[in-house]
Amino acid sequence: LGATGIIANYWEGKPLFPTEFSWPLVNVLVTAPLLEEFLMRG
């Protein structure tokens, strides 16, 4: 799944990884995967 984002970011000249800390980033990388998966898959 991530490969699609890597290719798109590389093609558009964007960083492959997030480069700055932010609370929305914590939500996207930690809160969403944990809580959404526990609810929807678990």
PDB file of all heavy atoms in Angstrom:
ATOM      1  N   LEU A   1       0.830  -1.208   0.000  1.00  0.00           N
ATOM      2  CA  LEU A   1       0.000   0.000   0.000  1.00  0.00           C
ATOM      3  C   LEU A   1       0.864   1.257   0.000  1.00  0.00           C
ATOM      4  O   LEU A   1       0.591   2.222  -0.724  1.00  0.00           O
ATOM      5  CB  LEU A   1      -0.920   0.012   1.228  1.00  0.00           C
ATOM      6  CG  LEU A   1      -2.063  -0.999   1.265  1.00  0.00           C
ATOM      7  CD1 LEU A   1      -2.739  -0.969   2.627  1.00  0.00           C
ATOM      8  CD2 LEU A   1      -3.072  -0.709   0.158  1.00  0.00           C
ATOM      9  N   GLY A   2       1.908   1.238   0.833  1.00  0.00           N
ATOM     10  CA  GLY A   2       2.772   2.409   0.943  1.00  0.00           C
ATOM     11  C   GLY A   2       3.527   2.718  -0.328  1.00  0.00           C
ATOM     12  O   GLY A   2       3.881   3.874  -0.580  1.00  0.00           O
ATOM     13  N   ALA A   3       3.768   1.695  -1.148  1.00  0.00           N
ATOM     14  CA  ALA A   3       4.514   1.898  -2.389  1.00  0.00           C
ATOM     15  C   ALA A   3       3.820   2.900  -3.307  1.00  0.00           C
ATOM     16  O   ALA A   3       4.486   3.659  -4.015  1.00  0.00           O
ATOM     17  CB  ALA A   3       4.706   0.565  -3.118  1.00  0.00           C
ATOM     18  N   THR A   4       2.498   2.900  -3.293  1.00  0.00           N
ATOM     19  CA  THR A   4       1.779   3.870  -4.141  1.00  0.00           C
ATOM     20  C   THR A   4       2.074   5.289  -3.699  1.00  0.00           C
ATOM     21  O   THR A   4       2.249   6.185  -4.533  1.00  0.00           O
ATOM     22  CB  THR A   4       0.263   3.601  -4.090  1.00  0.00           C
ATOM     23  OG1 THR A   4      -0.206   3.740  -2.735  1.00  0.00           O
ATOM     24  CG2 THR A   4      -0.062   2.210  -4.581  1.00  0.00           C
ATOM     25  N   GLY A   5       2.123   5.502  -2.368  1.00  0.00           N
ATOM     26  CA  GLY A   5       2.452   6.829  -1.861  1.00  0.00           C
ATOM     27  C   GLY A   5       3.902   7.197  -2.104  1.00  0.00           C
ATOM     28  O   GLY A   5       4.228   8.338  -2.420  1.00  0.00           O
ATOM     29  N   ILE A   6       4.799   6.215  -1.969  1.00  0.00           N
ATOM     30  CA  ILE A   6       6.225   6.469  -2.213  1.00  0.00           C
ATOM     31  C   ILE A   6       6.451   6.908  -3.658  1.00  0.00           C
ATOM     32  O   ILE A   6       7.155   7.884  -3.926  1.00  0.00           O
ATOM     33  CB  ILE A   6       7.046   5.201  -1.907  1.00  0.00           C
ATOM     34  CG1 ILE A   6       7.021   4.893  -0.407  1.00  0.00           C
ATOM     35  CG2 ILE A   6       8.487   5.362  -2.386  1.00  0.00           C
ATOM     36  CD1 ILE A   6       7.663   3.571  -0.042  1.00  0.00           C
ATOM     37  N   ILE A   7       5.848   6.197  -4.586  1.00  0.00           N
ATOM     38  CA  ILE A   7       6.004   6.530  -6.012  1.00  0.00           C
ATOM     39  C   ILE A   7       5.436   7.912  -6.308  1.00  0.00           C
ATOM     40  O   ILE A   7       6.070   8.720  -6.999  1.00  0.00           O
ATOM     41  CB  ILE A   7       5.322   5.460  -6.888  1.00  0.00           C
ATOM     42  CG1 ILE A   7       6.064   4.122  -6.755  1.00  0.00           C
ATOM     43  CG2 ILE A   7       5.283   5.896  -8.347  1.00  0.00           C
ATOM     44  CD1 ILE A   7       5.335   2.960  -7.383  1.00  0.00           C
ATOM     45  N   ALA A   8       4.242   8.182  -5.744  1.00  0.00           N
ATOM     46  CA  ALA A   8       3.609   9.491  -5.992  1.00  0.00           C
ATOM     47  C   ALA A   8       4.443  10.622  -5.405  1.00  0.00           C
ATOM     48  O   ALA A   8       4.648  11.663  -6.054  1.00  0.00           O
ATOM     49  CB  ALA A   8       2.200   9.495  -5.407  1.00  0.00           C
ATOM     50  N   ASN A   9       4.938  10.437  -4.170  1.00  0.00           N
ATOM     51  CA  ASN A   9       5.749  11.486  -3.538  1.00  0.00           C
ATOM     52  C   ASN A   9       7.058  11.701  -4.291  1.00  0.00           C
ATOM     53  O   ASN A   9       7.505  12.844  -4.479  1.00  0.00           O
ATOM     54  CB  ASN A   9       6.034  11.113  -2.084  1.00  0.00           C
ATOM     55  CG  ASN A   9       4.809  11.224  -1.199  1.00  0.00           C
ATOM     56  OD1 ASN A   9       3.872  11.955  -1.512  1.00  0.00           O
ATOM     57  ND2 ASN A   9       4.803  10.494  -0.102  1.00  0.00           N
ATOM     58  N   TYR A  10       7.679  10.606  -4.726  1.00  0.00           N
ATOM     59  CA  TYR A  10       8.932  10.731  -5.469  1.00  0.00           C
ATOM     60  C   TYR A  10       8.698  11.442  -6.797  1.00  0.00           C
ATOM     61  O   TYR A  10       9.479  12.326  -7.187  1.00  0.00           O
ATOM     62  CB  TYR A  10       9.521   9.339  -5.711  1.00  0.00           C
ATOM     63  CG  TYR A  10      10.804   9.355  -6.501  1.00  0.00           C
ATOM     64  CD1 TYR A  10      12.013   9.671  -5.882  1.00  0.00           C
ATOM     65  CD2 TYR A  10      10.805   9.083  -7.875  1.00  0.00           C
ATOM     66  CE1 TYR A  10      13.190   9.700  -6.607  1.00  0.00           C
ATOM     67  CE2 TYR A  10      11.981   9.105  -8.603  1.00  0.00           C
ATOM     68  CZ  TYR A  10      13.169   9.415  -7.967  1.00  0.00           C
ATOM     69  OH  TYR A  10      14.332   9.454  -8.696  1.00  0.00           O
ATOM     70  N   TRP A  11       7.639  11.092  -7.472  1.00  0.00           N
ATOM     71  CA  TRP A  11       7.336  11.688  -8.771  1.00  0.00           C
ATOM     72  C   TRP A  11       7.067  13.187  -8.658  1.00  0.00           C
ATOM     73  O   TRP A  11       7.445  13.963  -9.537  1.00  0.00           O
ATOM     74  CB  TRP A  11       6.128  10.981  -9.389  1.00  0.00           C
ATOM     75  CG  TRP A  11       5.794  11.426 -10.775  1.00  0.00           C
ATOM     76  CD1 TRP A  11       4.833  12.316 -11.155  1.00  0.00           C
ATOM     77  CD2 TRP A  11       6.440  11.006 -11.989  1.00  0.00           C
ATOM     78  NE1 TRP A  11       4.830  12.481 -12.502  1.00  0.00           N
ATOM     79  CE2 TRP A  11       5.814  11.683 -13.053  1.00  0.00           C
ATOM     80  CE3 TRP A  11       7.486  10.111 -12.279  1.00  0.00           C
ATOM     81  CZ2 TRP A  11       6.188  11.501 -14.377  1.00  0.00           C
ATOM     82  CZ3 TRP A  11       7.850   9.932 -13.596  1.00  0.00           C
ATOM     83  CH2 TRP A  11       7.215  10.618 -14.622  1.00  0.00           C
ATOM     84  N   GLU A  12       6.434  13.580  -7.532  1.00  0.00           N
ATOM     85  CA  GLU A  12       6.084  14.988  -7.334  1.00  0.00           C
ATOM     86  C   GLU A  12       7.176  15.763  -6.595  1.00  0.00           C
ATOM     87  O   GLU A  12       7.021  16.943  -6.314  1.00  0.00           O
ATOM     88  CB  GLU A  12       4.769  15.090  -6.554  1.00  0.00           C
ATOM     89  CG  GLU A  12       3.574  14.522  -7.305  1.00  0.00           C
ATOM     90  CD  GLU A  12       2.327  14.461  -6.452  1.00  0.00           C
ATOM     91  OE1 GLU A  12       2.353  15.034  -5.330  1.00  0.00           O
ATOM     92  OE2 GLU A  12       1.328  13.859  -6.889  1.00  0.00           O
ATOM     93  N   GLY A  13       8.279  15.091  -6.283  1.00  0.00           N
ATOM     94  CA  GLY A  13       9.389  15.762  -5.611  1.00  0.00           C
ATOM     95  C   GLY A  13       9.133  16.068  -4.151  1.00  0.00           C
ATOM     96  O   GLY A  13       9.776  16.945  -3.575  1.00  0.00           O
ATOM     97  N   LYS A  14       8.229  15.324  -3.518  1.00  0.00           N
ATOM     98  CA  LYS A  14       7.907  15.541  -2.110  1.00  0.00           C
ATOM     99  C   LYS A  14       8.745  14.594  -1.243  1.00  0.00           C
ATOM    100  O   LYS A  14       9.212  13.556  -1.712  1.00  0.00           O
ATOM    101  CB  LYS A  14       6.417  15.290  -1.864  1.00  0.00           C
ATOM    102  CG  LYS A  14       5.494  16.238  -2.611  1.00  0.00           C
ATOM    103  CD  LYS A  14       4.046  15.873  -2.332  1.00  0.00           C
ATOM    104  CE  LYS A  14       3.100  16.799  -3.078  1.00  0.00           C
ATOM    105  NZ  LYS A  14       1.663  16.431  -2.842  1.00  0.00           N
ATOM    106  N   PRO A  15       8.916  14.925   0.042  1.00  0.00           N
ATOM    107  CA  PRO A  15       9.633  14.013   0.947  1.00  0.00           C
ATOM    108  C   PRO A  15       8.905  12.670   1.046  1.00  0.00           C
ATOM    109  O   PRO A  15       7.676  12.625   1.028  1.00  0.00           O
ATOM    110  CB  PRO A  15       9.612  14.749   2.292  1.00  0.00           C
ATOM    111  CG  PRO A  15       9.368  16.189   1.943  1.00  0.00           C
ATOM    112  CD  PRO A  15       8.522  16.184   0.706  1.00  0.00           C
ATOM    113  N   LEU A  16       9.663  11.591   1.151  1.00  0.00           N
ATOM    114  CA  LEU A  16       9.052  10.269   1.249  1.00  0.00           C
ATOM    115  C   LEU A  16       8.461  10.019   2.625  1.00  0.00           C
ATOM    116  O   LEU A  16       7.520   9.239   2.771  1.00  0.00           O
ATOM    117  CB  LEU A  16      10.085   9.195   0.930  1.00  0.00           C
ATOM    118  CG  LEU A  16      10.711   9.245  -0.474  1.00  0.00           C
ATOM    119  CD1 LEU A  16      11.648   8.062  -0.667  1.00  0.00           C
ATOM    120  CD2 LEU A  16       9.629   9.247  -1.548  1.00  0.00           C
ATOM    121  N   PHE A  17       9.026  10.691   3.647  1.00  0.00           N
ATOM    122  CA  PHE A  17       8.556  10.554   5.018  1.00  0.00           C
ATOM    123  C   PHE A  17       8.122  11.918   5.548  1.00  0.00           C
ATOM    124  O   PHE A  17       8.593  12.950   5.071  1.00  0.00           O
ATOM    125  CB  PHE A  17       9.666  10.022   5.934  1.00  0.00           C
ATOM    126  CG  PHE A  17      10.180   8.665   5.561  1.00  0.00           C
ATOM    127  CD1 PHE A  17      11.300   8.541   4.749  1.00  0.00           C
ATOM    128  CD2 PHE A  17       9.562   7.526   6.028  1.00  0.00           C
ATOM    129  CE1 PHE A  17      11.788   7.289   4.417  1.00  0.00           C
ATOM    130  CE2 PHE A  17      10.047   6.264   5.696  1.00  0.00           C
ATOM    131  CZ  PHE A  17      11.158   6.154   4.884  1.00  0.00           C
ATOM    132  N   PRO A  18       7.257  11.934   6.565  1.00  0.00           N
ATOM    133  CA  PRO A  18       6.960  13.205   7.246  1.00  0.00           C
ATOM    134  C   PRO A  18       8.237  13.774   7.850  1.00  0.00           C
ATOM    135  O   PRO A  18       9.044  13.044   8.424  1.00  0.00           O
ATOM    136  CB  PRO A  18       5.965  12.793   8.343  1.00  0.00           C
ATOM    137  CG  PRO A  18       5.378  11.498   7.871  1.00  0.00           C
ATOM    138  CD  PRO A  18       6.462  10.808   7.095  1.00  0.00           C
ATOM    139  N   THR A  19       8.422  15.063   7.720  1.00  0.00           N
ATOM    140  CA  THR A  19       9.667  15.682   8.170  1.00  0.00           C
ATOM    141  C   THR A  19       9.505  16.549   9.409  1.00  0.00           C
ATOM    142  O   THR A  19      10.498  16.983   9.981  1.00  0.00           O
ATOM    143  CB  THR A  19      10.256  16.554   7.038  1.00  0.00           C
ATOM    144  OG1 THR A  19       9.274  17.519   6.620  1.00  0.00           O
ATOM    145  CG2 THR A  19      10.647  15.678   5.851  1.00  0.00           C
ATOM    146  N   GLU A  20       8.270  16.806   9.835  1.00  0.00           N
ATOM    147  CA  GLU A  20       8.033  17.654  11.000  1.00  0.00           C
ATOM    148  C   GLU A  20       7.005  17.007  11.917  1.00  0.00           C
ATOM    149  O   GLU A  20       6.042  16.400  11.447  1.00  0.00           O
ATOM    150  CB  GLU A  20       7.546  19.049  10.581  1.00  0.00           C
ATOM    151  CG  GLU A  20       8.553  19.850   9.785  1.00  0.00           C
ATOM    152  CD  GLU A  20       8.022  21.236   9.431  1.00  0.00           C
ATOM    153  OE1 GLU A  20       6.890  21.557   9.861  1.00  0.00           O
ATOM    154  OE2 GLU A  20       8.726  21.973   8.743  1.00  0.00           O
ATOM    155  N   PHE A  21       7.224  17.166  13.221  1.00  0.00           N
ATOM    156  CA  PHE A  21       6.256  16.644  14.190  1.00  0.00           C
ATOM    157  C   PHE A  21       5.018  17.530  14.222  1.00  0.00           C
ATOM    158  O   PHE A  21       5.102  18.758  14.134  1.00  0.00           O
ATOM    159  CB  PHE A  21       6.868  16.597  15.590  1.00  0.00           C
ATOM    160  CG  PHE A  21       5.859  16.239  16.654  1.00  0.00           C
ATOM    161  CD1 PHE A  21       5.554  14.917  16.914  1.00  0.00           C
ATOM    162  CD2 PHE A  21       5.203  17.239  17.364  1.00  0.00           C
ATOM    163  CE1 PHE A  21       4.629  14.574  17.885  1.00  0.00           C
ATOM    164  CE2 PHE A  21       4.270  16.910  18.336  1.00  0.00           C
ATOM    165  CZ  PHE A  21       3.984  15.572  18.598  1.00  0.00           C
ATOM    166  N   SER A  22       3.865  16.894  14.350  1.00  0.00           N
ATOM    167  CA  SER A  22       2.609  17.612  14.569  1.00  0.00           C
ATOM    168  C   SER A  22       1.628  16.667  15.232  1.00  0.00           C
ATOM    169  O   SER A  22       1.746  15.443  15.114  1.00  0.00           O
ATOM    170  CB  SER A  22       2.032  18.134  13.248  1.00  0.00           C
ATOM    171  OG  SER A  22       1.594  17.065  12.427  1.00  0.00           O
ATOM    172  N   TRP A  23       0.649  17.219  15.925  1.00  0.00           N
ATOM    173  CA  TRP A  23      -0.358  16.377  16.556  1.00  0.00           C
ATOM    174  C   TRP A  23      -1.219  15.642  15.532  1.00  0.00           C
ATOM    175  O   TRP A  23      -1.563  14.470  15.747  1.00  0.00           O
ATOM    176  CB  TRP A  23      -1.205  17.202  17.519  1.00  0.00           C
ATOM    177  CG  TRP A  23      -0.440  17.562  18.756  1.00  0.00           C
ATOM    178  CD1 TRP A  23       0.062  18.779  19.088  1.00  0.00           C
ATOM    179  CD2 TRP A  23      -0.055  16.677  19.813  1.00  0.00           C
ATOM    180  NE1 TRP A  23       0.737  18.720  20.287  1.00  0.00           N
ATOM    181  CE2 TRP A  23       0.679  17.439  20.753  1.00  0.00           C
ATOM    182  CE3 TRP A  23      -0.259  15.321  20.060  1.00  0.00           C
ATOM    183  CZ2 TRP A  23       1.194  16.886  21.921  1.00  0.00           C
ATOM    184  CZ3 TRP A  23       0.251  14.761  21.222  1.00  0.00           C
ATOM    185  CH2 TRP A  23       0.971  15.549  22.137  1.00  0.00           C
ATOM    186  N   PRO A  24      -1.571  16.280  14.416  1.00  0.00           N
ATOM    187  CA  PRO A  24      -2.275  15.504  13.378  1.00  0.00           C
ATOM    188  C   PRO A  24      -1.458  14.308  12.890  1.00  0.00           C
ATOM    189  O   PRO A  24      -2.031  13.267  12.553  1.00  0.00           O
ATOM    190  CB  PRO A  24      -2.486  16.528  12.259  1.00  0.00           C
ATOM    191  CG  PRO A  24      -2.567  17.842  12.970  1.00  0.00           C
ATOM    192  CD  PRO A  24      -1.560  17.725  14.092  1.00  0.00           C
ATOM    193  N   LEU A  25      -0.127  14.450  12.860  1.00  0.00           N
ATOM    194  CA  LEU A  25       0.729  13.339  12.448  1.00  0.00           C
ATOM    195  C   LEU A  25       0.635  12.184  13.450  1.00  0.00           C
ATOM    196  O   LEU A  25       0.592  11.013  13.064  1.00  0.00           O
ATOM    197  CB  LEU A  25       2.174  13.809  12.313  1.00  0.00           C
ATOM    198  CG  LEU A  25       3.190  12.763  11.847  1.00  0.00           C
ATOM    199  CD1 LEU A  25       2.870  12.295  10.427  1.00  0.00           C
ATOM    200  CD2 LEU A  25       4.610  13.316  11.910  1.00  0.00           C
ATOM    201  N   VAL A  26       0.601  12.508  14.750  1.00  0.00           N
ATOM    202  CA  VAL A  26       0.437  11.472  15.779  1.00  0.00           C
ATOM    203  C   VAL A  26      -0.887  10.740  15.577  1.00  0.00           C
ATOM    204  O   VAL A  26      -0.969   9.516  15.695  1.00  0.00           O
ATOM    205  CB  VAL A  26       0.503  12.091  17.193  1.00  0.00           C
ATOM    206  CG1 VAL A  26       0.234  11.021  18.262  1.00  0.00           C
ATOM    207  CG2 VAL A  26       1.852  12.743  17.427  1.00  0.00           C
ATOM    208  N   ASN A  27      -1.907  11.502  15.251  1.00  0.00           N
ATOM    209  CA  ASN A  27      -3.216  10.889  15.006  1.00  0.00           C
ATOM    210  C   ASN A  27      -3.161   9.935  13.815  1.00  0.00           C
ATOM    211  O   ASN A  27      -3.662   8.808  13.872  1.00  0.00           O
ATOM    212  CB  ASN A  27      -4.255  11.977  14.745  1.00  0.00           C
ATOM    213  CG  ASN A  27      -5.609  11.397  14.405  1.00  0.00           C
ATOM    214  OD1 ASN A  27      -6.224  10.679  15.188  1.00  0.00           O
ATOM    215  ND2 ASN A  27      -6.081  11.683  13.196  1.00  0.00           N
ATOM    216  N   VAL A  28      -2.520  10.380  12.739  1.00  0.00           N
ATOM    217  CA  VAL A  28      -2.471   9.587  11.506  1.00  0.00           C
ATOM    218  C   VAL A  28      -1.634   8.329  11.672  1.00  0.00           C
ATOM    219  O   VAL A  28      -1.989   7.256  11.162  1.00  0.00           O
ATOM    220  CB  VAL A  28      -1.928  10.455  10.347  1.00  0.00           C
ATOM    221  CG1 VAL A  28      -1.556   9.598   9.154  1.00  0.00           C
ATOM    222  CG2 VAL A  28      -2.962  11.497   9.938  1.00  0.00           C
ATOM    223  N   LEU A  29      -0.522   8.431  12.404  1.00  0.00           N
ATOM    224  CA  LEU A  29       0.419   7.309  12.494  1.00  0.00           C
ATOM    225  C   LEU A  29       0.201   6.403  13.704  1.00  0.00           C
ATOM    226  O   LEU A  29       0.638   5.248  13.683  1.00  0.00           O
ATOM    227  CB  LEU A  29       1.858   7.835  12.513  1.00  0.00           C
ATOM    228  CG  LEU A  29       2.328   8.564  11.264  1.00  0.00           C
ATOM    229  CD1 LEU A  29       3.804   8.930  11.401  1.00  0.00           C
ATOM    230  CD2 LEU A  29       2.102   7.736  10.013  1.00  0.00           C
ATOM    231  N   VAL A  30      -0.434   6.907  14.743  1.00  0.00           N
ATOM    232  CA  VAL A  30      -0.593   6.115  15.961  1.00  0.00           C
ATOM    233  C   VAL A  30      -2.065   5.871  16.299  1.00  0.00           C
ATOM    234  O   VAL A  30      -2.528   4.729  16.336  1.00  0.00           O
ATOM    235  CB  VAL A  30       0.115   6.792  17.161  1.00  0.00           C
ATOM    236  CG1 VAL A  30      -0.064   5.948  18.420  1.00  0.00           C
ATOM    237  CG2 VAL A  30       1.587   7.014  16.867  1.00  0.00           C
ATOM    238  N   THR A  31      -2.790   6.952  16.535  1.00  0.00           N
ATOM    239  CA  THR A  31      -4.170   6.812  16.999  1.00  0.00           C
ATOM    240  C   THR A  31      -5.053   6.105  15.978  1.00  0.00           C
ATOM    241  O   THR A  31      -5.773   5.163  16.323  1.00  0.00           O
ATOM    242  CB  THR A  31      -4.770   8.190  17.324  1.00  0.00           C
ATOM    243  OG1 THR A  31      -3.890   8.902  18.200  1.00  0.00           O
ATOM    244  CG2 THR A  31      -6.122   8.043  17.990  1.00  0.00           C
ATOM    245  N   ALA A  32      -5.016   6.565  14.729  1.00  0.00           N
ATOM    246  CA  ALA A  32      -5.890   5.982  13.708  1.00  0.00           C
ATOM    247  C   ALA A  32      -5.620   4.496  13.475  1.00  0.00           C
ATOM    248  O   ALA A  32      -6.554   3.683  13.505  1.00  0.00           O
ATOM    249  CB  ALA A  32      -5.776   6.776  12.402  1.00  0.00           C
ATOM    250  N   PRO A  33      -4.370   4.084  13.245  1.00  0.00           N
ATOM    251  CA  PRO A  33      -4.128   2.651  13.040  1.00  0.00           C
ATOM    252  C   PRO A  33      -4.576   1.788  14.219  1.00  0.00           C
ATOM    253  O   PRO A  33      -5.210   0.745  14.026  1.00  0.00           O
ATOM    254  CB  PRO A  33      -2.614   2.563  12.836  1.00  0.00           C
ATOM    255  CG  PRO A  33      -2.234   3.896  12.297  1.00  0.00           C
ATOM    256  CD  PRO A  33      -3.132   4.873  13.001  1.00  0.00           C
ATOM    257  N   LEU A  34      -4.290   2.219  15.442  1.00  0.00           N
ATOM    258  CA  LEU A  34      -4.635   1.417  16.612  1.00  0.00           C
ATOM    259  C   LEU A  34      -6.144   1.344  16.831  1.00  0.00           C
ATOM    260  O   LEU A  34      -6.731   0.256  16.934  1.00  0.00           O
ATOM    261  CB  LEU A  34      -3.959   1.984  17.857  1.00  0.00           C
ATOM    262  CG  LEU A  34      -2.462   1.724  18.002  1.00  0.00           C
ATOM    263  CD1 LEU A  34      -1.896   2.521  19.170  1.00  0.00           C
ATOM    264  CD2 LEU A  34      -2.190   0.241  18.203  1.00  0.00           C
ATOM    265  N   LEU A  35      -6.789   2.500  16.897  1.00  0.00           N
ATOM    266  CA  LEU A  35      -8.195   2.531  17.270  1.00  0.00           C
ATOM    267  C   LEU A  35      -9.114   2.100  16.133  1.00  0.00           C
ATOM    268  O   LEU A  35     -10.094   1.375  16.361  1.00  0.00           O
ATOM    269  CB  LEU A  35      -8.582   3.934  17.769  1.00  0.00           C
ATOM    270  CG  LEU A  35      -7.757   4.468  18.951  1.00  0.00           C
ATOM    271  CD1 LEU A  35      -8.376   5.748  19.503  1.00  0.00           C
ATOM    272  CD2 LEU A  35      -7.615   3.428  20.047  1.00  0.00           C
ATOM    273  N   GLU A  36      -8.814   2.525  14.910  1.00  0.00           N
ATOM    274  CA  GLU A  36      -9.653   2.124  13.782  1.00  0.00           C
ATOM    275  C   GLU A  36      -9.572   0.619  13.539  1.00  0.00           C
ATOM    276  O   GLU A  36     -10.588  -0.029  13.242  1.00  0.00           O
ATOM    277  CB  GLU A  36      -9.264   2.899  12.524  1.00  0.00           C
ATOM    278  CG  GLU A  36      -9.646   4.362  12.570  1.00  0.00           C
ATOM    279  CD  GLU A  36      -9.292   5.106  11.294  1.00  0.00           C
ATOM    280  OE1 GLU A  36      -8.898   4.450  10.305  1.00  0.00           O
ATOM    281  OE2 GLU A  36      -9.404   6.348  11.284  1.00  0.00           O
ATOM    282  N   GLU A  37      -8.378   0.057  13.656  1.00  0.00           N
ATOM    283  CA  GLU A  37      -8.244  -1.379  13.418  1.00  0.00           C
ATOM    284  C   GLU A  37      -8.886  -2.206  14.527  1.00  0.00           C
ATOM    285  O   GLU A  37      -9.492  -3.244  14.262  1.00  0.00           O
ATOM    286  CB  GLU A  37      -6.763  -1.756  13.260  1.00  0.00           C
ATOM    287  CG  GLU A  37      -6.125  -1.208  12.001  1.00  0.00           C
ATOM    288  CD  GLU A  37      -6.928  -1.551  10.758  1.00  0.00           C
ATOM    289  OE1 GLU A  37      -7.186  -2.752  10.526  1.00  0.00           O
ATOM    290  OE2 GLU A  37      -7.311  -0.627  10.028  1.00  0.00           O
ATOM    291  N   PHE A  38      -8.768  -1.746  15.758  1.00  0.00           N
ATOM    292  CA  PHE A  38      -9.408  -2.473  16.857  1.00  0.00           C
ATOM    293  C   PHE A  38     -10.920  -2.503  16.664  1.00  0.00           C
ATOM    294  O   PHE A  38     -11.563  -3.552  16.860  1.00  0.00           O
ATOM    295  CB  PHE A  38      -9.069  -1.828  18.192  1.00  0.00           C
ATOM    296  CG  PHE A  38      -9.649  -2.547  19.380  1.00  0.00           C
ATOM    297  CD1 PHE A  38      -9.159  -3.792  19.757  1.00  0.00           C
ATOM    298  CD2 PHE A  38     -10.688  -1.992  20.103  1.00  0.00           C
ATOM    299  CE1 PHE A  38      -9.705  -4.468  20.841  1.00  0.00           C
ATOM    300  CE2 PHE A  38     -11.231  -2.663  21.187  1.00  0.00           C
ATOM    301  CZ  PHE A  38     -10.744  -3.902  21.562  1.00  0.00           C
ATOM    302  N   LEU A  39     -11.481  -1.376  16.258  1.00  0.00           N
ATOM    303  CA  LEU A  39     -12.926  -1.318  16.020  1.00  0.00           C
ATOM    304  C   LEU A  39     -13.327  -2.103  14.783  1.00  0.00           C
ATOM    305  O   LEU A  39     -14.180  -3.001  14.848  1.00  0.00           O
ATOM    306  CB  LEU A  39     -13.370   0.142  15.879  1.00  0.00           C
ATOM    307  CG  LEU A  39     -14.807   0.368  15.377  1.00  0.00           C
ATOM    308  CD1 LEU A  39     -15.825  -0.189  16.380  1.00  0.00           C
ATOM    309  CD2 LEU A  39     -15.051   1.849  15.105  1.00  0.00           C
ATOM    310  N   MET A  40     -12.720  -1.770  13.635  1.00  0.00           N
ATOM    311  CA  MET A  40     -13.235  -2.270  12.360  1.00  0.00           C
ATOM    312  C   MET A  40     -12.781  -3.697  12.038  1.00  0.00           C
ATOM    313  O   MET A  40     -13.544  -4.478  11.486  1.00  0.00           O
ATOM    314  CB  MET A  40     -12.818  -1.337  11.221  1.00  0.00           C
ATOM    315  CG  MET A  40     -13.410   0.061  11.346  1.00  0.00           C
ATOM    316  SD  MET A  40     -15.209   0.088  11.556  1.00  0.00           S
ATOM    317  CE  MET A  40     -15.760  -0.866  10.163  1.00  0.00           C
ATOM    318  N   ARG A  41     -11.555  -4.049  12.335  1.00  0.00           N
ATOM    319  CA  ARG A  41     -11.100  -5.393  12.042  1.00  0.00           C
ATOM    320  C   ARG A  41     -11.260  -6.298  13.274  1.00  0.00           C
ATOM    321  O   ARG A  41     -11.791  -7.400  13.181  1.00  0.00           O
ATOM    322  CB  ARG A  41      -9.637  -5.376  11.594  1.00  0.00           C
ATOM    323  CG  ARG A  41      -9.430  -5.614  10.128  1.00  0.00           C
ATOM    324  CD  ARG A  41     -10.173  -4.648   9.214  1.00  0.00           C
ATOM    325  NE  ARG A  41      -9.671  -3.281   9.261  1.00  0.00           N
ATOM    326  CZ  ARG A  41     -10.142  -2.302   8.503  1.00  0.00           C
ATOM    327  NH1 ARG A  41     -11.131  -2.521   7.652  1.00  0.00           N
ATOM    328  NH2 ARG A  41      -9.639  -1.090   8.577  1.00  0.00           N
ATOM    329  N   GLY A  42     -10.823  -5.816  14.445  1.00  0.00           N
ATOM    330  CA  GLY A  42     -10.884  -6.653  15.631  1.00  0.00           C
ATOM    331  C   GLY A  42     -12.294  -6.971  16.078  1.00  0.00           C
ATOM    332  O   GLY A  42     -12.605  -8.115  16.433  1.00  0.00           O
TER     333      GLY A  42
END
